[in-house]
Amino acid sequence: MRSGCKNINLTPFEKMPVVNGNRLCGRRDEGYNFLTTTKPNKVYNPNESINTYSCLNAATPKLCGTDEDAEEYVLCIPMESECPITKVWFDGE
């Protein structure tokens, strides 16, 4: 573990948030952490006025996030891993 970092314990199920009567749940893919992910290559596409992203590192070839996401929410992880949640919103309906 890097100096100055700490391991955060799992949140017990009964302490997970409840929204509109639904409990929010999640699980952690322990195959990677944010110290072992990489940032994708970003290229601005002027025809569509958006950024496009691609993963160039062989150890982290899987892109998580979309071209519509802000750069801080897009990352590259190992191919066999699952993408983390990068955005949560509530519609109210």
N, C-alpha and C. Protein backbone atom coordinates (compact mmCIF):
# COMPACT_ATOMS: atom_id res chain seq x y z
N MET A 1 0.84 -1.18 0.00
CA MET A 1 0.00 0.00 0.00
C MET A 1 0.89 1.24 0.00
N ARG A 2 0.49 2.24 -0.75
CA ARG A 2 1.27 3.47 -0.81
C ARG A 2 1.26 4.22 0.51
N SER A 3 2.35 4.91 0.76
CA SER A 3 2.46 5.72 1.97
C SER A 3 1.36 6.79 1.97
N GLY A 4 0.71 6.95 3.10
CA GLY A 4 -0.36 7.94 3.23
C GLY A 4 -1.72 7.41 2.83
N CYS A 5 -1.80 6.20 2.29
CA CYS A 5 -3.08 5.61 1.91
C CYS A 5 -3.57 4.70 3.01
N LYS A 6 -4.88 4.45 3.02
CA LYS A 6 -5.43 3.51 3.98
C LYS A 6 -6.47 2.64 3.30
N ASN A 7 -6.63 1.44 3.81
CA ASN A 7 -7.62 0.52 3.30
C ASN A 7 -8.96 0.87 3.94
N ILE A 8 -10.01 0.98 3.15
CA ILE A 8 -11.34 1.30 3.66
C ILE A 8 -12.12 0.00 3.77
N ASN A 9 -12.62 -0.28 4.96
CA ASN A 9 -13.38 -1.52 5.19
C ASN A 9 -14.70 -1.51 4.44
N LEU A 10 -15.24 -2.69 4.19
CA LEU A 10 -16.54 -2.83 3.56
C LEU A 10 -17.61 -2.20 4.43
N THR A 11 -18.64 -1.63 3.81
CA THR A 11 -19.78 -1.11 4.53
C THR A 11 -20.76 -2.25 4.74
N PRO A 12 -21.16 -2.53 5.99
CA PRO A 12 -22.13 -3.61 6.21
C PRO A 12 -23.43 -3.35 5.45
N PHE A 13 -24.07 -4.41 4.98
CA PHE A 13 -25.28 -4.30 4.17
C PHE A 13 -26.34 -3.43 4.83
N GLU A 14 -26.54 -3.60 6.12
CA GLU A 14 -27.60 -2.86 6.80
C GLU A 14 -27.32 -1.36 6.87
N LYS A 15 -26.10 -0.92 6.56
CA LYS A 15 -25.76 0.50 6.57
C LYS A 15 -25.75 1.11 5.17
N MET A 16 -26.07 0.33 4.16
CA MET A 16 -26.11 0.85 2.80
C MET A 16 -27.31 1.78 2.67
N PRO A 17 -27.23 2.83 1.85
CA PRO A 17 -28.32 3.80 1.75
C PRO A 17 -29.59 3.21 1.14
N VAL A 18 -30.74 3.75 1.59
CA VAL A 18 -32.04 3.39 1.05
C VAL A 18 -32.61 4.63 0.38
N VAL A 19 -33.01 4.50 -0.89
CA VAL A 19 -33.58 5.60 -1.66
C VAL A 19 -34.92 5.15 -2.21
N ASN A 20 -35.98 5.91 -1.89
CA ASN A 20 -37.34 5.56 -2.35
C ASN A 20 -37.69 4.11 -2.03
N GLY A 21 -37.27 3.65 -0.87
CA GLY A 21 -37.59 2.29 -0.43
C GLY A 21 -36.69 1.22 -1.03
N ASN A 22 -35.71 1.59 -1.82
CA ASN A 22 -34.79 0.61 -2.43
C ASN A 22 -33.40 0.78 -1.85
N ARG A 23 -32.82 -0.33 -1.38
CA ARG A 23 -31.48 -0.28 -0.82
C ARG A 23 -30.45 -0.33 -1.95
N LEU A 24 -29.49 0.59 -1.92
CA LEU A 24 -28.41 0.61 -2.90
C LEU A 24 -27.36 -0.40 -2.50
N CYS A 25 -27.01 -1.28 -3.41
CA CYS A 25 -26.02 -2.32 -3.12
C CYS A 25 -24.93 -2.29 -4.19
N GLY A 26 -23.81 -2.84 -3.88
CA GLY A 26 -22.72 -2.92 -4.83
C GLY A 26 -21.72 -3.97 -4.39
N ARG A 27 -20.83 -4.33 -5.26
CA ARG A 27 -19.75 -5.23 -4.89
C ARG A 27 -18.48 -4.72 -5.53
N ARG A 28 -17.38 -5.09 -4.95
CA ARG A 28 -16.09 -4.60 -5.39
C ARG A 28 -15.35 -5.66 -6.19
N ASP A 29 -14.83 -5.27 -7.34
CA ASP A 29 -13.96 -6.15 -8.12
C ASP A 29 -12.56 -5.97 -7.55
N GLU A 30 -12.05 -6.97 -6.88
CA GLU A 30 -10.76 -6.85 -6.22
C GLU A 30 -9.59 -7.13 -7.17
N GLY A 31 -9.88 -7.27 -8.47
CA GLY A 31 -8.83 -7.52 -9.46
C GLY A 31 -8.01 -6.29 -9.80
N TYR A 32 -8.46 -5.11 -9.35
CA TYR A 32 -7.73 -3.88 -9.62
C TYR A 32 -8.13 -2.84 -8.58
N ASN A 33 -7.38 -1.76 -8.53
CA ASN A 33 -7.75 -0.62 -7.69
C ASN A 33 -7.38 0.64 -8.46
N PHE A 34 -7.69 1.78 -7.91
CA PHE A 34 -7.45 3.01 -8.67
C PHE A 34 -5.97 3.37 -8.80
N LEU A 35 -5.11 2.65 -8.10
CA LEU A 35 -3.68 2.85 -8.30
C LEU A 35 -3.16 2.04 -9.49
N THR A 36 -3.90 1.02 -9.89
CA THR A 36 -3.45 0.15 -10.99
C THR A 36 -4.24 0.39 -12.28
N THR A 37 -5.19 1.31 -12.28
CA THR A 37 -5.88 1.66 -13.52
C THR A 37 -5.05 2.68 -14.29
N THR A 38 -5.39 2.88 -15.53
CA THR A 38 -4.71 3.91 -16.32
C THR A 38 -5.76 4.83 -16.94
N LYS A 39 -5.33 5.99 -17.36
CA LYS A 39 -6.22 6.92 -18.04
C LYS A 39 -6.15 6.64 -19.54
N PRO A 40 -7.27 6.74 -20.23
CA PRO A 40 -7.27 6.49 -21.66
C PRO A 40 -6.69 7.66 -22.46
N ASN A 41 -6.36 7.36 -23.70
CA ASN A 41 -5.94 8.38 -24.63
C ASN A 41 -7.20 9.15 -25.07
N LYS A 42 -7.14 10.47 -25.02
CA LYS A 42 -8.30 11.29 -25.38
C LYS A 42 -8.02 12.01 -26.68
N VAL A 43 -8.97 11.94 -27.61
CA VAL A 43 -8.88 12.64 -28.88
C VAL A 43 -10.18 13.41 -29.09
N TYR A 44 -10.07 14.70 -29.37
CA TYR A 44 -11.27 15.50 -29.62
C TYR A 44 -11.75 15.26 -31.03
N ASN A 45 -13.04 14.97 -31.18
CA ASN A 45 -13.65 14.75 -32.48
C ASN A 45 -14.44 16.01 -32.84
N PRO A 46 -13.88 16.89 -33.69
CA PRO A 46 -14.55 18.15 -34.00
C PRO A 46 -15.86 17.98 -34.78
N ASN A 47 -15.99 16.88 -35.53
CA ASN A 47 -17.21 16.66 -36.31
C ASN A 47 -18.42 16.43 -35.41
N GLU A 48 -18.19 15.79 -34.26
CA GLU A 48 -19.28 15.51 -33.33
C GLU A 48 -19.19 16.34 -32.07
N SER A 49 -18.16 17.18 -31.95
CA SER A 49 -17.94 18.04 -30.78
C SER A 49 -17.87 17.25 -29.47
N ILE A 50 -17.22 16.08 -29.52
CA ILE A 50 -17.03 15.27 -28.31
C ILE A 50 -15.62 14.72 -28.28
N ASN A 51 -15.22 14.27 -27.09
CA ASN A 51 -13.95 13.56 -26.95
C ASN A 51 -14.20 12.09 -27.19
N THR A 52 -13.24 11.40 -27.79
CA THR A 52 -13.29 9.95 -27.88
C THR A 52 -12.10 9.40 -27.11
N TYR A 53 -12.27 8.25 -26.49
CA TYR A 53 -11.25 7.67 -25.63
C TYR A 53 -10.87 6.28 -26.12
N SER A 54 -9.61 5.92 -25.91
CA SER A 54 -9.16 4.56 -26.21
C SER A 54 -8.06 4.18 -25.22
N CYS A 55 -8.04 2.89 -24.88
CA CYS A 55 -7.04 2.37 -23.94
C CYS A 55 -5.87 1.80 -24.74
N LEU A 56 -4.67 2.29 -24.47
CA LEU A 56 -3.50 1.88 -25.24
C LEU A 56 -2.56 0.96 -24.47
N ASN A 57 -2.74 0.84 -23.14
CA ASN A 57 -1.87 0.03 -22.31
C ASN A 57 -2.32 -1.43 -22.37
N ALA A 58 -1.43 -2.35 -22.72
CA ALA A 58 -1.78 -3.77 -22.86
C ALA A 58 -2.28 -4.39 -21.55
N ALA A 59 -1.83 -3.89 -20.41
CA ALA A 59 -2.26 -4.43 -19.11
C ALA A 59 -3.66 -3.96 -18.72
N THR A 60 -4.10 -2.84 -19.30
CA THR A 60 -5.41 -2.27 -18.96
C THR A 60 -6.14 -1.85 -20.23
N PRO A 61 -6.57 -2.85 -21.06
CA PRO A 61 -7.14 -2.52 -22.36
C PRO A 61 -8.65 -2.23 -22.38
N LYS A 62 -9.35 -2.44 -21.25
CA LYS A 62 -10.80 -2.29 -21.24
C LYS A 62 -11.21 -0.87 -20.83
N LEU A 63 -11.98 -0.21 -21.68
CA LEU A 63 -12.43 1.16 -21.43
C LEU A 63 -13.70 1.14 -20.58
N CYS A 64 -13.69 1.92 -19.51
CA CYS A 64 -14.85 2.09 -18.65
C CYS A 64 -15.27 3.55 -18.71
N GLY A 65 -16.54 3.79 -18.93
CA GLY A 65 -17.05 5.13 -19.16
C GLY A 65 -17.38 5.27 -20.63
N THR A 66 -17.92 6.42 -21.00
CA THR A 66 -18.30 6.64 -22.39
C THR A 66 -17.71 7.95 -22.90
N ASP A 67 -17.83 8.16 -24.19
CA ASP A 67 -17.35 9.40 -24.79
C ASP A 67 -18.11 10.61 -24.25
N GLU A 68 -19.30 10.38 -23.70
CA GLU A 68 -20.11 11.47 -23.17
C GLU A 68 -19.73 11.84 -21.73
N ASP A 69 -18.96 10.99 -21.06
CA ASP A 69 -18.58 11.23 -19.67
C ASP A 69 -17.44 12.22 -19.57
N ALA A 70 -17.39 12.92 -18.46
CA ALA A 70 -16.26 13.81 -18.19
C ALA A 70 -15.00 12.96 -18.04
N GLU A 71 -13.87 13.53 -18.38
CA GLU A 71 -12.60 12.78 -18.41
C GLU A 71 -12.29 12.09 -17.08
N GLU A 72 -12.62 12.71 -15.95
CA GLU A 72 -12.29 12.09 -14.66
C GLU A 72 -13.08 10.82 -14.39
N TYR A 73 -14.14 10.56 -15.17
CA TYR A 73 -14.95 9.36 -14.97
C TYR A 73 -14.65 8.26 -15.98
N VAL A 74 -13.63 8.42 -16.79
CA VAL A 74 -13.28 7.43 -17.80
C VAL A 74 -11.91 6.85 -17.45
N LEU A 75 -11.80 5.51 -17.45
CA LEU A 75 -10.54 4.88 -17.10
C LEU A 75 -10.38 3.54 -17.79
N CYS A 76 -9.18 3.00 -17.73
CA CYS A 76 -8.86 1.72 -18.36
C CYS A 76 -8.51 0.71 -17.27
N ILE A 77 -9.04 -0.51 -17.42
CA ILE A 77 -8.84 -1.57 -16.42
C ILE A 77 -8.47 -2.86 -17.14
N PRO A 78 -8.07 -3.92 -16.37
CA PRO A 78 -7.78 -5.21 -17.00
C PRO A 78 -9.02 -5.76 -17.73
N MET A 79 -8.83 -6.45 -18.83
CA MET A 79 -9.93 -6.95 -19.67
C MET A 79 -10.90 -7.84 -18.90
N GLU A 80 -10.41 -8.66 -17.99
CA GLU A 80 -11.28 -9.61 -17.29
C GLU A 80 -12.06 -8.98 -16.13
N SER A 81 -11.80 -7.73 -15.84
CA SER A 81 -12.45 -7.05 -14.71
C SER A 81 -13.76 -6.38 -15.14
N GLU A 82 -14.57 -6.05 -14.12
CA GLU A 82 -15.83 -5.34 -14.38
C GLU A 82 -15.63 -3.86 -14.13
N CYS A 83 -16.26 -3.04 -14.94
CA CYS A 83 -16.14 -1.58 -14.77
C CYS A 83 -16.81 -1.13 -13.47
N PRO A 84 -16.21 -0.14 -12.83
CA PRO A 84 -16.82 0.40 -11.61
C PRO A 84 -17.98 1.32 -11.97
N ILE A 85 -18.80 1.62 -10.99
CA ILE A 85 -19.85 2.61 -11.18
C ILE A 85 -19.16 3.96 -11.34
N THR A 86 -19.46 4.66 -12.40
CA THR A 86 -18.84 5.97 -12.62
C THR A 86 -19.85 7.11 -12.51
N LYS A 87 -21.13 6.77 -12.43
CA LYS A 87 -22.14 7.82 -12.33
C LYS A 87 -23.40 7.23 -11.72
N VAL A 88 -24.03 7.96 -10.80
CA VAL A 88 -25.31 7.58 -10.22
C VAL A 88 -26.19 8.81 -10.24
N TRP A 89 -27.43 8.66 -10.67
CA TRP A 89 -28.37 9.78 -10.61
C TRP A 89 -29.75 9.24 -10.29
N PHE A 90 -30.61 10.10 -9.83
CA PHE A 90 -31.97 9.73 -9.46
C PHE A 90 -32.92 10.56 -10.29
N ASP A 91 -33.89 9.91 -10.90
CA ASP A 91 -34.81 10.57 -11.79
C ASP A 91 -35.99 11.19 -11.07
N GLY A 92 -36.42 10.63 -9.97
CA GLY A 92 -37.54 11.17 -9.22
C GLY A 92 -38.88 10.66 -9.70
N GLU A 93 -38.93 9.93 -10.80
CA GLU A 93 -40.19 9.37 -11.29
C GLU A 93 -40.40 7.99 -10.76
